[in-house]
PDB file of N, CA and C in Angstrom:
ATOM      1  N   UNK A   1      -0.678   5.116  -5.044  1.00  0.00           N
ATOM      2  CA  UNK A   1       0.692   5.034  -4.582  1.00  0.00           C
ATOM      3  C   UNK A   1       1.363   3.847  -5.265  1.00  0.00           C
ATOM      4  N   UNK A   2       2.644   3.988  -5.514  1.00  0.00           N
ATOM      5  CA  UNK A   2       3.391   2.899  -6.121  1.00  0.00           C
ATOM      6  C   UNK A   2       4.345   2.291  -5.099  1.00  0.00           C
ATOM      7  N   UNK A   3       4.770   1.107  -5.389  1.00  0.00           N
ATOM      8  CA  UNK A   3       5.718   0.411  -4.526  1.00  0.00           C
ATOM      9  C   UNK A   3       7.041   1.173  -4.545  1.00  0.00           C
ATOM     10  N   UNK A   4       7.492   1.602  -3.391  1.00  0.00           N
ATOM     11  CA  UNK A   4       8.746   2.343  -3.286  1.00  0.00           C
ATOM     12  C   UNK A   4       9.724   1.506  -2.462  1.00  0.00           C
ATOM     13  N   UNK A   5      10.498   0.679  -3.162  1.00  0.00           N
ATOM     14  CA  UNK A   5      11.376  -0.246  -2.453  1.00  0.00           C
ATOM     15  C   UNK A   5      12.524   0.463  -1.731  1.00  0.00           C
ATOM     16  N   UNK A   6      12.926   1.630  -2.240  1.00  0.00           N
ATOM     17  CA  UNK A   6      13.959   2.390  -1.537  1.00  0.00           C
ATOM     18  C   UNK A   6      13.430   2.917  -0.205  1.00  0.00           C
ATOM     19  N   UNK A   7      12.205   3.373  -0.196  1.00  0.00           N
ATOM     20  CA  UNK A   7      11.591   3.864   1.036  1.00  0.00           C
ATOM     21  C   UNK A   7      11.463   2.732   2.054  1.00  0.00           C
ATOM     22  N   UNK A   8      11.025   1.578   1.607  1.00  0.00           N
ATOM     23  CA  UNK A   8      10.872   0.422   2.498  1.00  0.00           C
ATOM     24  C   UNK A   8      12.218   0.053   3.105  1.00  0.00           C
ATOM     25  N   UNK A   9      13.241  -0.010   2.272  1.00  0.00           N
ATOM     26  CA  UNK A   9      14.594  -0.338   2.752  1.00  0.00           C
ATOM     27  C   UNK A   9      15.065   0.714   3.750  1.00  0.00           C
ATOM     28  N   UNK A  10      14.871   1.981   3.417  1.00  0.00           N
ATOM     29  CA  UNK A  10      15.317   3.057   4.303  1.00  0.00           C
ATOM     30  C   UNK A  10      14.590   3.029   5.645  1.00  0.00           C
ATOM     31  N   UNK A  11      13.323   2.655   5.643  1.00  0.00           N
ATOM     32  CA  UNK A  11      12.562   2.538   6.898  1.00  0.00           C
ATOM     33  C   UNK A  11      13.185   1.459   7.779  1.00  0.00           C
ATOM     34  N   UNK A  12      13.431   0.299   7.202  1.00  0.00           N
ATOM     35  CA  UNK A  12      13.978  -0.821   7.984  1.00  0.00           C
ATOM     36  C   UNK A  12      15.361  -0.472   8.523  1.00  0.00           C
ATOM     37  N   UNK A  13      16.200   0.140   7.701  1.00  0.00           N
ATOM     38  CA  UNK A  13      17.541   0.527   8.147  1.00  0.00           C
ATOM     39  C   UNK A  13      17.453   1.609   9.224  1.00  0.00           C
ATOM     40  N   UNK A  14      16.565   2.594   9.050  1.00  0.00           N
ATOM     41  CA  UNK A  14      16.416   3.663  10.044  1.00  0.00           C
ATOM     42  C   UNK A  14      15.976   3.099  11.392  1.00  0.00           C
ATOM     43  N   UNK A  15      15.083   2.143  11.369  1.00  0.00           N
ATOM     44  CA  UNK A  15      14.643   1.523  12.627  1.00  0.00           C
ATOM     45  C   UNK A  15      15.821   0.817  13.288  1.00  0.00           C
ATOM     46  N   UNK A  16      16.546   0.042  12.507  1.00  0.00           N
ATOM     47  CA  UNK A  16      17.704  -0.674  13.043  1.00  0.00           C
ATOM     48  C   UNK A  16      18.726   0.292  13.630  1.00  0.00           C
ATOM     49  N   UNK A  17      18.964   1.395  12.939  1.00  0.00           N
ATOM     50  CA  UNK A  17      19.934   2.390  13.410  1.00  0.00           C
ATOM     51  C   UNK A  17      19.469   3.091  14.685  1.00  0.00           C
ATOM     52  N   UNK A  18      18.174   3.118  14.935  1.00  0.00           N
ATOM     53  CA  UNK A  18      17.624   3.812  16.103  1.00  0.00           C
ATOM     54  C   UNK A  18      17.308   2.884  17.269  1.00  0.00           C
ATOM     55  N   UNK A  19      17.570   1.600  17.106  1.00  0.00           N
ATOM     56  CA  UNK A  19      17.333   0.639  18.188  1.00  0.00           C
ATOM     57  C   UNK A  19      18.598   0.536  19.024  1.00  0.00           C
ATOM     58  N   UNK A  20      18.461   0.900  20.287  1.00  0.00           N
ATOM     59  CA  UNK A  20      19.590   0.823  21.196  1.00  0.00           C
ATOM     60  C   UNK A  20      19.117   0.223  22.510  1.00  0.00           C
ATOM     61  N   UNK A  21      19.442  -1.038  22.741  1.00  0.00           N
ATOM     62  CA  UNK A  21      19.034  -1.650  24.011  1.00  0.00           C
ATOM     63  C   UNK A  21      19.795  -1.037  25.190  1.00  0.00           C
ATOM     64  N   UNK A  22      19.098  -0.930  26.324  1.00  0.00           N
ATOM     65  CA  UNK A  22      19.773  -0.439  27.524  1.00  0.00           C
ATOM     66  C   UNK A  22      20.534  -1.591  28.179  1.00  0.00           C
ATOM     67  N   UNK A  23      21.060  -1.368  29.374  1.00  0.00           N
ATOM     68  CA  UNK A  23      21.883  -2.384  30.044  1.00  0.00           C
ATOM     69  C   UNK A  23      21.110  -3.656  30.389  1.00  0.00           C
ATOM     70  N   UNK A  24      19.773  -3.579  30.348  1.00  0.00           N
ATOM     71  CA  UNK A  24      18.943  -4.760  30.628  1.00  0.00           C
ATOM     72  C   UNK A  24      18.372  -5.372  29.352  1.00  0.00           C
ATOM     73  N   UNK A  25      18.752  -4.823  28.199  1.00  0.00           N
ATOM     74  CA  UNK A  25      18.269  -5.344  26.932  1.00  0.00           C
ATOM     75  C   UNK A  25      16.942  -4.758  26.497  1.00  0.00           C
ATOM     76  N   UNK A  26      16.447  -3.790  27.245  1.00  0.00           N
ATOM     77  CA  UNK A  26      15.172  -3.159  26.907  1.00  0.00           C
ATOM     78  C   UNK A  26      15.394  -2.115  25.819  1.00  0.00           C
ATOM     79  N   UNK A  27      14.515  -2.113  24.822  1.00  0.00           N
ATOM     80  CA  UNK A  27      14.606  -1.147  23.728  1.00  0.00           C
ATOM     81  C   UNK A  27      13.541  -0.082  23.924  1.00  0.00           C
ATOM     82  N   UNK A  28      13.969   1.159  23.891  1.00  0.00           N
ATOM     83  CA  UNK A  28      13.034   2.277  23.974  1.00  0.00           C
ATOM     84  C   UNK A  28      12.206   2.299  22.688  1.00  0.00           C
ATOM     85  N   UNK A  29      10.872   2.239  22.773  1.00  0.00           N
ATOM     86  CA  UNK A  29      10.035   2.251  21.569  1.00  0.00           C
ATOM     87  C   UNK A  29      10.285   3.494  20.721  1.00  0.00           C
ATOM     88  N   UNK A  30      10.152   3.319  19.418  1.00  0.00           N
ATOM     89  CA  UNK A  30      10.394   4.389  18.457  1.00  0.00           C
ATOM     90  C   UNK A  30       9.052   4.905  17.940  1.00  0.00           C
ATOM     91  N   UNK A  31       8.908   6.202  17.911  1.00  0.00           N
ATOM     92  CA  UNK A  31       7.696   6.810  17.372  1.00  0.00           C
ATOM     93  C   UNK A  31       7.780   6.845  15.844  1.00  0.00           C
ATOM     94  N   UNK A  32       6.848   6.197  15.149  1.00  0.00           N
ATOM     95  CA  UNK A  32       6.856   6.236  13.682  1.00  0.00           C
ATOM     96  C   UNK A  32       6.743   7.657  13.130  1.00  0.00           C
ATOM     97  N   UNK A  33       5.952   8.492  13.796  1.00  0.00           N
ATOM     98  CA  UNK A  33       5.782   9.872  13.330  1.00  0.00           C
ATOM     99  C   UNK A  33       7.104  10.628  13.439  1.00  0.00           C
ATOM    100  N   UNK A  34       7.800  10.463  14.557  1.00  0.00           N
ATOM    101  CA  UNK A  34       9.106  11.116  14.718  1.00  0.00           C
ATOM    102  C   UNK A  34      10.105  10.596  13.686  1.00  0.00           C
ATOM    103  N   UNK A  35      10.098   9.300  13.458  1.00  0.00           N
ATOM    104  CA  UNK A  35      10.991   8.694  12.467  1.00  0.00           C
ATOM    105  C   UNK A  35      10.711   9.262  11.078  1.00  0.00           C
ATOM    106  N   UNK A  36       9.442   9.360  10.735  1.00  0.00           N
ATOM    107  CA  UNK A  36       9.041   9.882   9.414  1.00  0.00           C
ATOM    108  C   UNK A  36       9.441  11.337   9.253  1.00  0.00           C
ATOM    109  N   UNK A  37       9.310  12.124  10.315  1.00  0.00           N
ATOM    110  CA  UNK A  37       9.576  13.560  10.222  1.00  0.00           C
ATOM    111  C   UNK A  37      11.041  13.936  10.373  1.00  0.00           C
ATOM    112  N   UNK A  38      11.845  13.034  10.928  1.00  0.00           N
ATOM    113  CA  UNK A  38      13.253  13.390  11.124  1.00  0.00           C
ATOM    114  C   UNK A  38      14.166  12.561  10.227  1.00  0.00           C
ATOM    115  N   UNK A  39      14.352  11.312  10.565  1.00  0.00           N
ATOM    116  CA  UNK A  39      15.289  10.449   9.856  1.00  0.00           C
ATOM    117  C   UNK A  39      14.889  10.201   8.406  1.00  0.00           C
ATOM    118  N   UNK A  40      13.601  10.128   8.142  1.00  0.00           N
ATOM    119  CA  UNK A  40      13.126   9.785   6.788  1.00  0.00           C
ATOM    120  C   UNK A  40      12.425  10.962   6.119  1.00  0.00           C
ATOM    121  N   UNK A  41      12.880  12.152   6.418  1.00  0.00           N
ATOM    122  CA  UNK A  41      12.214  13.355   5.900  1.00  0.00           C
ATOM    123  C   UNK A  41      12.348  13.533   4.387  1.00  0.00           C
ATOM    124  N   UNK A  42      13.173  12.728   3.728  1.00  0.00           N
ATOM    125  CA  UNK A  42      13.291  12.823   2.272  1.00  0.00           C
ATOM    126  C   UNK A  42      12.066  12.236   1.566  1.00  0.00           C
ATOM    127  N   UNK A  43      11.217  11.526   2.327  1.00  0.00           N
ATOM    128  CA  UNK A  43       9.979  10.956   1.788  1.00  0.00           C
ATOM    129  C   UNK A  43       8.788  11.679   2.418  1.00  0.00           C
ATOM    130  N   UNK A  44       7.654  11.712   1.723  1.00  0.00           N
ATOM    131  CA  UNK A  44       6.452  12.286   2.349  1.00  0.00           C
ATOM    132  C   UNK A  44       6.075  11.475   3.597  1.00  0.00           C
ATOM    133  N   UNK A  45       5.723  12.163   4.647  1.00  0.00           N
ATOM    134  CA  UNK A  45       5.397  11.528   5.925  1.00  0.00           C
ATOM    135  C   UNK A  45       4.297  10.477   5.777  1.00  0.00           C
ATOM    136  N   UNK A  46       3.249  10.809   5.000  1.00  0.00           N
ATOM    137  CA  UNK A  46       2.146   9.852   4.848  1.00  0.00           C
ATOM    138  C   UNK A  46       2.606   8.569   4.158  1.00  0.00           C
ATOM    139  N   UNK A  47       3.564   8.667   3.242  1.00  0.00           N
ATOM    140  CA  UNK A  47       4.084   7.478   2.565  1.00  0.00           C
ATOM    141  C   UNK A  47       4.893   6.616   3.538  1.00  0.00           C
ATOM    142  N   UNK A  48       5.721   7.249   4.337  1.00  0.00           N
ATOM    143  CA  UNK A  48       6.512   6.510   5.330  1.00  0.00           C
ATOM    144  C   UNK A  48       5.592   5.786   6.304  1.00  0.00           C
ATOM    145  N   UNK A  49       4.586   6.491   6.810  1.00  0.00           N
ATOM    146  CA  UNK A  49       3.659   5.865   7.761  1.00  0.00           C
ATOM    147  C   UNK A  49       2.875   4.728   7.112  1.00  0.00           C
ATOM    148  N   UNK A  50       2.519   4.897   5.845  1.00  0.00           N
ATOM    149  CA  UNK A  50       1.826   3.825   5.124  1.00  0.00           C
ATOM    150  C   UNK A  50       2.687   2.566   5.071  1.00  0.00           C
ATOM    151  N   UNK A  51       3.971   2.731   4.675  1.00  0.00           N
ATOM    152  CA  UNK A  51       4.846   1.562   4.560  1.00  0.00           C
ATOM    153  C   UNK A  51       5.188   0.978   5.925  1.00  0.00           C
ATOM    154  N   UNK A  52       5.250   1.805   6.948  1.00  0.00           N
ATOM    155  CA  UNK A  52       5.462   1.270   8.297  1.00  0.00           C
ATOM    156  C   UNK A  52       4.282   0.387   8.682  1.00  0.00           C
ATOM    157  N   UNK A  53       3.076   0.844   8.388  1.00  0.00           N
ATOM    158  CA  UNK A  53       1.882   0.015   8.663  1.00  0.00           C
ATOM    159  C   UNK A  53       1.945  -1.310   7.903  1.00  0.00           C
ATOM    160  N   UNK A  54       2.319  -1.246   6.636  1.00  0.00           N
ATOM    161  CA  UNK A  54       2.422  -2.459   5.823  1.00  0.00           C
ATOM    162  C   UNK A  54       3.481  -3.411   6.394  1.00  0.00           C
ATOM    163  N   UNK A  55       4.598  -2.861   6.826  1.00  0.00           N
ATOM    164  CA  UNK A  55       5.659  -3.681   7.416  1.00  0.00           C
ATOM    165  C   UNK A  55       5.224  -4.269   8.760  1.00  0.00           C
ATOM    166  N   UNK A  56       4.410  -3.544   9.507  1.00  0.00           N
ATOM    167  CA  UNK A  56       3.852  -4.095  10.752  1.00  0.00           C
ATOM    168  C   UNK A  56       2.875  -5.226  10.437  1.00  0.00           C
ATOM    169  N   UNK A  57       2.004  -4.992   9.460  1.00  0.00           N
ATOM    170  CA  UNK A  57       1.024  -6.017   9.078  1.00  0.00           C
ATOM    171  C   UNK A  57       1.698  -7.276   8.538  1.00  0.00           C
ATOM    172  N   UNK A  58       2.894  -7.114   7.974  1.00  0.00           N
ATOM    173  CA  UNK A  58       3.640  -8.247   7.417  1.00  0.00           C
ATOM    174  C   UNK A  58       4.607  -8.860   8.421  1.00  0.00           C
ATOM    175  N   UNK A  59       4.575  -8.371   9.653  1.00  0.00           N
ATOM    176  CA  UNK A  59       5.393  -8.891  10.748  1.00  0.00           C
ATOM    177  C   UNK A  59       6.887  -8.702  10.519  1.00  0.00           C
ATOM    178  N   UNK A  60       7.257  -7.662   9.786  1.00  0.00           N
ATOM    179  CA  UNK A  60       8.663  -7.300   9.630  1.00  0.00           C
ATOM    180  C   UNK A  60       9.041  -6.332  10.746  1.00  0.00           C
ATOM    181  N   UNK A  61       8.129  -5.431  11.081  1.00  0.00           N
ATOM    182  CA  UNK A  61       8.283  -4.529  12.221  1.00  0.00           C
ATOM    183  C   UNK A  61       7.405  -5.051  13.345  1.00  0.00           C
ATOM    184  N   UNK A  62       7.973  -5.116  14.546  1.00  0.00           N
ATOM    185  CA  UNK A  62       7.218  -5.544  15.717  1.00  0.00           C
ATOM    186  C   UNK A  62       6.568  -4.300  16.332  1.00  0.00           C
ATOM    187  N   UNK A  63       5.225  -4.249  16.308  1.00  0.00           N
ATOM    188  CA  UNK A  63       4.557  -3.074  16.871  1.00  0.00           C
ATOM    189  C   UNK A  63       4.574  -3.094  18.396  1.00  0.00           C
ATOM    190  N   UNK A  64       4.638  -1.894  18.953  1.00  0.00           N
ATOM    191  CA  UNK A  64       4.575  -1.741  20.408  1.00  0.00           C
ATOM    192  C   UNK A  64       3.212  -1.206  20.794  1.00  0.00           C
ATOM    193  N   UNK A  65       3.188  -0.399  21.839  1.00  0.00           N
ATOM    194  CA  UNK A  65       1.933   0.175  22.322  1.00  0.00           C
ATOM    195  C   UNK A  65       1.410   1.225  21.353  1.00  0.00           C
ATOM    196  N   UNK A  66       0.086   1.332  21.330  1.00  0.00           N
ATOM    197  CA  UNK A  66      -0.551   2.385  20.535  1.00  0.00           C
ATOM    198  C   UNK A  66      -1.210   3.338  21.525  1.00  0.00           C
ATOM    199  N   UNK A  67      -0.812   4.596  21.405  1.00  0.00           N
ATOM    200  CA  UNK A  67      -1.360   5.613  22.273  1.00  0.00           C
ATOM    201  C   UNK A  67      -2.514   6.304  21.564  1.00  0.00           C
ATOM    202  N   UNK A  68      -3.474   6.770  22.340  1.00  0.00           N
ATOM    203  CA  UNK A  68      -4.696   7.387  21.806  1.00  0.00           C
ATOM    204  C   UNK A  68      -4.404   8.569  20.889  1.00  0.00           C
ATOM    205  N   UNK A  69      -3.399   9.351  21.211  1.00  0.00           N
ATOM    206  CA  UNK A  69      -3.108  10.546  20.417  1.00  0.00           C
ATOM    207  C   UNK A  69      -2.137  10.291  19.263  1.00  0.00           C
ATOM    208  N   UNK A  70      -1.777   9.032  19.035  1.00  0.00           N
ATOM    209  CA  UNK A  70      -0.868   8.670  17.945  1.00  0.00           C
ATOM    210  C   UNK A  70      -1.634   7.892  16.876  1.00  0.00           C
ATOM    211  N   UNK A  71      -1.325   8.139  15.598  1.00  0.00           N
ATOM    212  CA  UNK A  71      -2.057   7.477  14.524  1.00  0.00           C
ATOM    213  C   UNK A  71      -1.641   6.029  14.266  1.00  0.00           C
ATOM    214  N   UNK A  72      -0.522   5.622  14.842  1.00  0.00           N
ATOM    215  CA  UNK A  72       0.044   4.310  14.545  1.00  0.00           C
ATOM    216  C   UNK A  72       0.808   3.825  15.781  1.00  0.00           C
ATOM    217  N   UNK A  73       0.863   2.506  16.013  1.00  0.00           N
ATOM    218  CA  UNK A  73       1.600   2.021  17.185  1.00  0.00           C
ATOM    219  C   UNK A  73       3.086   2.382  17.124  1.00  0.00           C
ATOM    220  N   UNK A  74       3.683   2.494  18.284  1.00  0.00           N
ATOM    221  CA  UNK A  74       5.125   2.690  18.352  1.00  0.00           C
ATOM    222  C   UNK A  74       5.817   1.445  17.808  1.00  0.00           C
ATOM    223  N   UNK A  75       7.083   1.578  17.469  1.00  0.00           N
ATOM    224  CA  UNK A  75       7.871   0.462  16.940  1.00  0.00           C
ATOM    225  C   UNK A  75       8.655  -0.134  18.103  1.00  0.00           C
ATOM    226  N   UNK A  76       8.423  -1.411  18.337  1.00  0.00           N
ATOM    227  CA  UNK A  76       9.081  -2.097  19.448  1.00  0.00           C
ATOM    228  C   UNK A  76      10.416  -2.690  19.010  1.00  0.00           C
ATOM    229  N   UNK A  77      10.461  -3.233  17.790  1.00  0.00           N
ATOM    230  CA  UNK A  77      11.670  -3.907  17.307  1.00  0.00           C
ATOM    231  C   UNK A  77      11.453  -4.325  15.857  1.00  0.00           C
ATOM    232  N   UNK A  78      12.464  -4.934  15.280  1.00  0.00           N
ATOM    233  CA  UNK A  78      12.343  -5.590  13.975  1.00  0.00           C
ATOM    234  C   UNK A  78      12.257  -7.087  14.211  1.00  0.00           C
ATOM    235  N   UNK A  79      11.596  -7.777  13.323  1.00  0.00           N
ATOM    236  CA  UNK A  79      11.554  -9.236  13.403  1.00  0.00           C
ATOM    237  C   UNK A  79      12.871  -9.782  12.868  1.00  0.00           C
ATOM    238  N   UNK A  80      13.060 -11.065  12.989  1.00  0.00           N
ATOM    239  CA  UNK A  80      14.271 -11.702  12.455  1.00  0.00           C
ATOM    240  C   UNK A  80      14.380 -11.448  10.956  1.00  0.00           C
ATOM    241  N   UNK A  81      13.256 -11.496  10.235  1.00  0.00           N
ATOM    242  CA  UNK A  81      13.329 -11.247   8.785  1.00  0.00           C
ATOM    243  C   UNK A  81      13.745  -9.803   8.502  1.00  0.00           C
ATOM    244  N   UNK A  82      13.389  -8.875   9.360  1.00  0.00           N
ATOM    245  CA  UNK A  82      13.833  -7.492   9.213  1.00  0.00           C
ATOM    246  C   UNK A  82      15.344  -7.376   9.345  1.00  0.00           C
ATOM    247  N   UNK A  83      15.887  -8.067  10.337  1.00  0.00           N
ATOM    248  CA  UNK A  83      17.343  -8.054  10.515  1.00  0.00           C
ATOM    249  C   UNK A  83      18.047  -8.791   9.375  1.00  0.00           C
ATOM    250  N   UNK A  84      17.456  -9.879   8.901  1.00  0.00           N
ATOM    251  CA  UNK A  84      18.037 -10.591   7.761  1.00  0.00           C
ATOM    252  C   UNK A  84      18.041  -9.708   6.518  1.00  0.00           C
ATOM    253  N   UNK A  85      16.959  -8.947   6.334  1.00  0.00           N
ATOM    254  CA  UNK A  85      16.873  -8.023   5.210  1.00  0.00           C
ATOM    255  C   UNK A  85      18.023  -7.016   5.263  1.00  0.00           C
ATOM    256  N   UNK A  86      18.276  -6.464   6.436  1.00  0.00           N
ATOM    257  CA  UNK A  86      19.366  -5.499   6.591  1.00  0.00           C
ATOM    258  C   UNK A  86      20.710  -6.143   6.264  1.00  0.00           C
ATOM    259  N   UNK A  87      20.952  -7.321   6.818  1.00  0.00           N
ATOM    260  CA  UNK A  87      22.223  -8.001   6.567  1.00  0.00           C
ATOM    261  C   UNK A  87      22.431  -8.297   5.085  1.00  0.00           C
ATOM    262  N   UNK A  88      21.345  -8.591   4.382  1.00  0.00           N
ATOM    263  CA  UNK A  88      21.444  -8.964   2.975  1.00  0.00           C
ATOM    264  C   UNK A  88      21.468  -7.776   2.021  1.00  0.00           C
ATOM    265  N   UNK A  89      20.956  -6.604   2.451  1.00  0.00           N
ATOM    266  CA  UNK A  89      20.804  -5.496   1.494  1.00  0.00           C
ATOM    267  C   UNK A  89      21.387  -4.162   1.944  1.00  0.00           C
ATOM    268  N   UNK A  90      21.949  -4.065   3.135  1.00  0.00           N
ATOM    269  CA  UNK A  90      22.413  -2.765   3.623  1.00  0.00           C
ATOM    270  C   UNK A  90      23.568  -2.184   2.808  1.00  0.00           C
ATOM    271  N   UNK A  91      24.564  -2.988   2.424  1.00  0.00           N
ATOM    272  CA  UNK A  91      25.637  -2.384   1.625  1.00  0.00           C
ATOM    273  C   UNK A  91      25.076  -1.823   0.303  1.00  0.00           C
ATOM    274  N   UNK A  92      25.334  -0.548   0.023  1.00  0.00           N
ATOM    275  CA  UNK A  92      24.775   0.065  -1.195  1.00  0.00           C
ATOM    276  C   UNK A  92      25.127  -0.683  -2.481  1.00  0.00           C
ATOM    277  N   UNK A  93      26.315  -1.262  -2.536  1.00  0.00           N
ATOM    278  CA  UNK A  93      26.702  -1.982  -3.758  1.00  0.00           C
ATOM    279  C   UNK A  93      25.832  -3.221  -3.963  1.00  0.00           C
ATOM    280  N   UNK A  94      25.488  -3.876  -2.878  1.00  0.00           N
ATOM    281  CA  UNK A  94      24.600  -5.052  -2.991  1.00  0.00           C
ATOM    282  C   UNK A  94      23.182  -4.596  -3.308  1.00  0.00           C
ATOM    283  N   UNK A  95      22.708  -3.532  -2.660  1.00  0.00           N
ATOM    284  CA  UNK A  95      21.354  -3.038  -2.908  1.00  0.00           C
ATOM    285  C   UNK A  95      21.173  -2.679  -4.382  1.00  0.00           C
ATOM    286  N   UNK A  96      22.173  -2.067  -4.976  1.00  0.00           N
ATOM    287  CA  UNK A  96      22.080  -1.681  -6.400  1.00  0.00           C
ATOM    288  C   UNK A  96      21.999  -2.902  -7.313  1.00  0.00           C
ATOM    289  N   UNK A  97      22.468  -4.043  -6.863  1.00  0.00           N
ATOM    290  CA  UNK A  97      22.346  -5.284  -7.640  1.00  0.00           C
ATOM    291  C   UNK A  97      21.009  -5.974  -7.367  1.00  0.00           C
ATOM    292  N   UNK A  98      20.532  -5.874  -6.125  1.00  0.00           N
ATOM    293  CA  UNK A  98      19.285  -6.539  -5.722  1.00  0.00           C
ATOM    294  C   UNK A  98      18.064  -5.803  -6.267  1.00  0.00           C
ATOM    295  N   UNK A  99      18.101  -4.487  -6.234  1.00  0.00           N
ATOM    296  CA  UNK A  99      16.948  -3.658  -6.600  1.00  0.00           C
ATOM    297  C   UNK A  99      16.373  -3.984  -7.983  1.00  0.00           C
ATOM    298  N   UNK A 100      17.173  -4.062  -9.041  1.00  0.00           N
ATOM    299  CA  UNK A 100      16.587  -4.378 -10.358  1.00  0.00           C
ATOM    300  C   UNK A 100      15.930  -5.763 -10.388  1.00  0.00           C
ATOM    301  N   UNK A 101      16.515  -6.707  -9.654  1.00  0.00           N
ATOM    302  CA  UNK A 101      15.930  -8.053  -9.607  1.00  0.00           C
ATOM    303  C   UNK A 101      14.567  -8.027  -8.904  1.00  0.00           C
ATOM    304  N   UNK A 102      14.463  -7.229  -7.842  1.00  0.00           N
ATOM    305  CA  UNK A 102      13.202  -7.139  -7.103  1.00  0.00           C
ATOM    306  C   UNK A 102      12.091  -6.533  -7.955  1.00  0.00           C
ATOM    307  N   UNK A 103      12.461  -5.595  -8.801  1.00  0.00           N
ATOM    308  CA  UNK A 103      11.463  -4.932  -9.639  1.00  0.00           C
ATOM    309  C   UNK A 103      10.853  -5.875 -10.670  1.00  0.00           C
ATOM    310  N   UNK A 104      11.511  -7.002 -10.923  1.00  0.00           N
ATOM    311  CA  UNK A 104      10.982  -7.971 -11.896  1.00  0.00           C
ATOM    312  C   UNK A 104      10.168  -9.085 -11.225  1.00  0.00           C
ATOM    313  N   UNK A 105      10.236  -9.149  -9.892  1.00  0.00           N
ATOM    314  CA  UNK A 105       9.533 -10.197  -9.153  1.00  0.00           C
ATOM    315  C   UNK A 105       8.082  -9.807  -8.953  1.00  0.00           C
ATOM    316  N   UNK A 106       7.211 -10.759  -9.168  1.00  0.00           N
ATOM    317  CA  UNK A 106       5.795 -10.541  -8.903  1.00  0.00           C
ATOM    318  C   UNK A 106       5.511 -10.995  -7.471  1.00  0.00           C
ATOM    319  N   UNK A 107       5.372 -10.038  -6.589  1.00  0.00           N
ATOM    320  CA  UNK A 107       5.121 -10.354  -5.182  1.00  0.00           C
ATOM    321  C   UNK A 107       3.764  -9.804  -4.788  1.00  0.00           C
ATOM    322  N   UNK A 108       2.990 -10.626  -4.104  1.00  0.00           N
ATOM    323  CA  UNK A 108       1.660 -10.178  -3.700  1.00  0.00           C
ATOM    324  C   UNK A 108       1.603  -9.736  -2.241  1.00  0.00           C
ATOM    325  N   UNK A 109       2.784  -9.648  -1.605  1.00  0.00           N
ATOM    326  CA  UNK A 109       2.819  -9.146  -0.230  1.00  0.00           C
ATOM    327  C   UNK A 109       4.202  -8.611   0.092  1.00  0.00           C
ATOM    328  N   UNK A 110       4.264  -7.786   1.092  1.00  0.00           N
ATOM    329  CA  UNK A 110       5.547  -7.248   1.555  1.00  0.00           C
ATOM    330  C   UNK A 110       6.423  -8.381   2.073  1.00  0.00           C
ATOM    331  N   UNK A 111       5.813  -9.382   2.692  1.00  0.00           N
ATOM    332  CA  UNK A 111       6.578 -10.515   3.217  1.00  0.00           C
ATOM    333  C   UNK A 111       7.363 -11.213   2.111  1.00  0.00           C
ATOM    334  N   UNK A 112       6.722 -11.413   0.980  1.00  0.00           N
ATOM    335  CA  UNK A 112       7.397 -12.068  -0.146  1.00  0.00           C
ATOM    336  C   UNK A 112       8.491 -11.158  -0.700  1.00  0.00           C
ATOM    337  N   UNK A 113       8.220  -9.865  -0.774  1.00  0.00           N
ATOM    338  CA  UNK A 113       9.218  -8.905  -1.220  1.00  0.00           C
ATOM    339  C   UNK A 113      10.459  -8.983  -0.331  1.00  0.00           C
ATOM    340  N   UNK A 114      10.271  -8.995   0.969  1.00  0.00           N
ATOM    341  CA  UNK A 114      11.382  -9.064   1.926  1.00  0.00           C
ATOM    342  C   UNK A 114      12.131 -10.384   1.767  1.00  0.00           C
ATOM    343  N   UNK A 115      11.382 -11.459   1.638  1.00  0.00           N
ATOM    344  CA  UNK A 115      11.966 -12.786   1.460  1.00  0.00           C
ATOM    345  C   UNK A 115      12.854 -12.840   0.216  1.00  0.00           C
ATOM    346  N   UNK A 116      12.351 -12.300  -0.891  1.00  0.00           N
ATOM    347  CA  UNK A 116      13.103 -12.297  -2.151  1.00  0.00           C
ATOM    348  C   UNK A 116      14.339 -11.400  -2.042  1.00  0.00           C
ATOM    349  N   UNK A 117      14.212 -10.256  -1.379  1.00  0.00           N
ATOM    350  CA  UNK A 117      15.344  -9.356  -1.207  1.00  0.00           C
ATOM    351  C   UNK A 117      16.456 -10.051  -0.420  1.00  0.00           C
ATOM    352  N   UNK A 118      16.074 -10.788   0.623  1.00  0.00           N
ATOM    353  CA  UNK A 118      17.045 -11.537   1.419  1.00  0.00           C
ATOM    354  C   UNK A 118      17.722 -12.589   0.540  1.00  0.00           C
ATOM    355  N   UNK A 119      16.924 -13.321  -0.207  1.00  0.00           N
ATOM    356  CA  UNK A 119      17.440 -14.360  -1.093  1.00  0.00           C
ATOM    357  C   UNK A 119      18.419 -13.788  -2.120  1.00  0.00           C
ATOM    358  N   UNK A 120      18.028 -12.721  -2.794  1.00  0.00           N
ATOM    359  CA  UNK A 120      18.896 -12.107  -3.808  1.00  0.00           C
ATOM    360  C   UNK A 120      20.148 -11.513  -3.161  1.00  0.00           C
ATOM    361  N   UNK A 121      19.977 -10.829  -2.051  1.00  0.00           N
ATOM    362  CA  UNK A 121      21.109 -10.193  -1.386  1.00  0.00           C
ATOM    363  C   UNK A 121      22.137 -11.191  -0.893  1.00  0.00           C
ATOM    364  N   UNK A 122      21.665 -12.296  -0.343  1.00  0.00           N
ATOM    365  CA  UNK A 122      22.594 -13.323   0.150  1.00  0.00           C
ATOM    366  C   UNK A 122      23.401 -13.922  -0.994  1.00  0.00           C
ATOM    367  N   UNK A 123      22.829 -13.914  -2.202  1.00  0.00           N
ATOM    368  CA  UNK A 123      23.543 -14.418  -3.367  1.00  0.00           C
ATOM    369  C   UNK A 123      24.727 -13.551  -3.762  1.00  0.00           C
ATOM    370  N   UNK A 124      24.752 -12.308  -3.336  1.00  0.00           N
ATOM    371  CA  UNK A 124      25.837 -11.389  -3.663  1.00  0.00           C
ATOM    372  C   UNK A 124      26.886 -11.266  -2.557  1.00  0.00           C
ATOM    373  N   UNK A 125      26.578 -11.815  -1.382  1.00  0.00           N
ATOM    374  CA  UNK A 125      27.514 -11.732  -0.267  1.00  0.00           C
ATOM    375  C   UNK A 125      28.509 -12.886  -0.377  1.00  0.00           C
ATOM    376  N   UNK A 126      29.813 -12.552  -0.387  1.00  0.00           N
ATOM    377  CA  UNK A 126      30.833 -13.623  -0.538  1.00  0.00           C
ATOM    378  C   UNK A 126      30.883 -14.553   0.645  1.00  0.00           C
TER     379      UNK A 126
END
């Protein structure tokens, strides 16, 4: 598998778009499998689940409960770096400027990739 930065970005944005706190601030956990099969159906499900796991391991996605019949924990929330990533890269015009720069960066973890994306994206925001 190769690094798919568009898929990673789309996962983070899809999670953010599906997070809706109730009147007490509680967020209904999101099923990664449902997210992969519905909102992110333009990518292979196994690839989406792989990157969700990587984002959980890198503390960009906050994992929730793991149920016995589910292959991966539910998504509880995004970390602050996840929200910063969205703020820095969500506008398509900024993403198109950030993406080529990210492809030249040598990153040995998703955390560094996210950090660099935030750094580059903030440089384009007036």
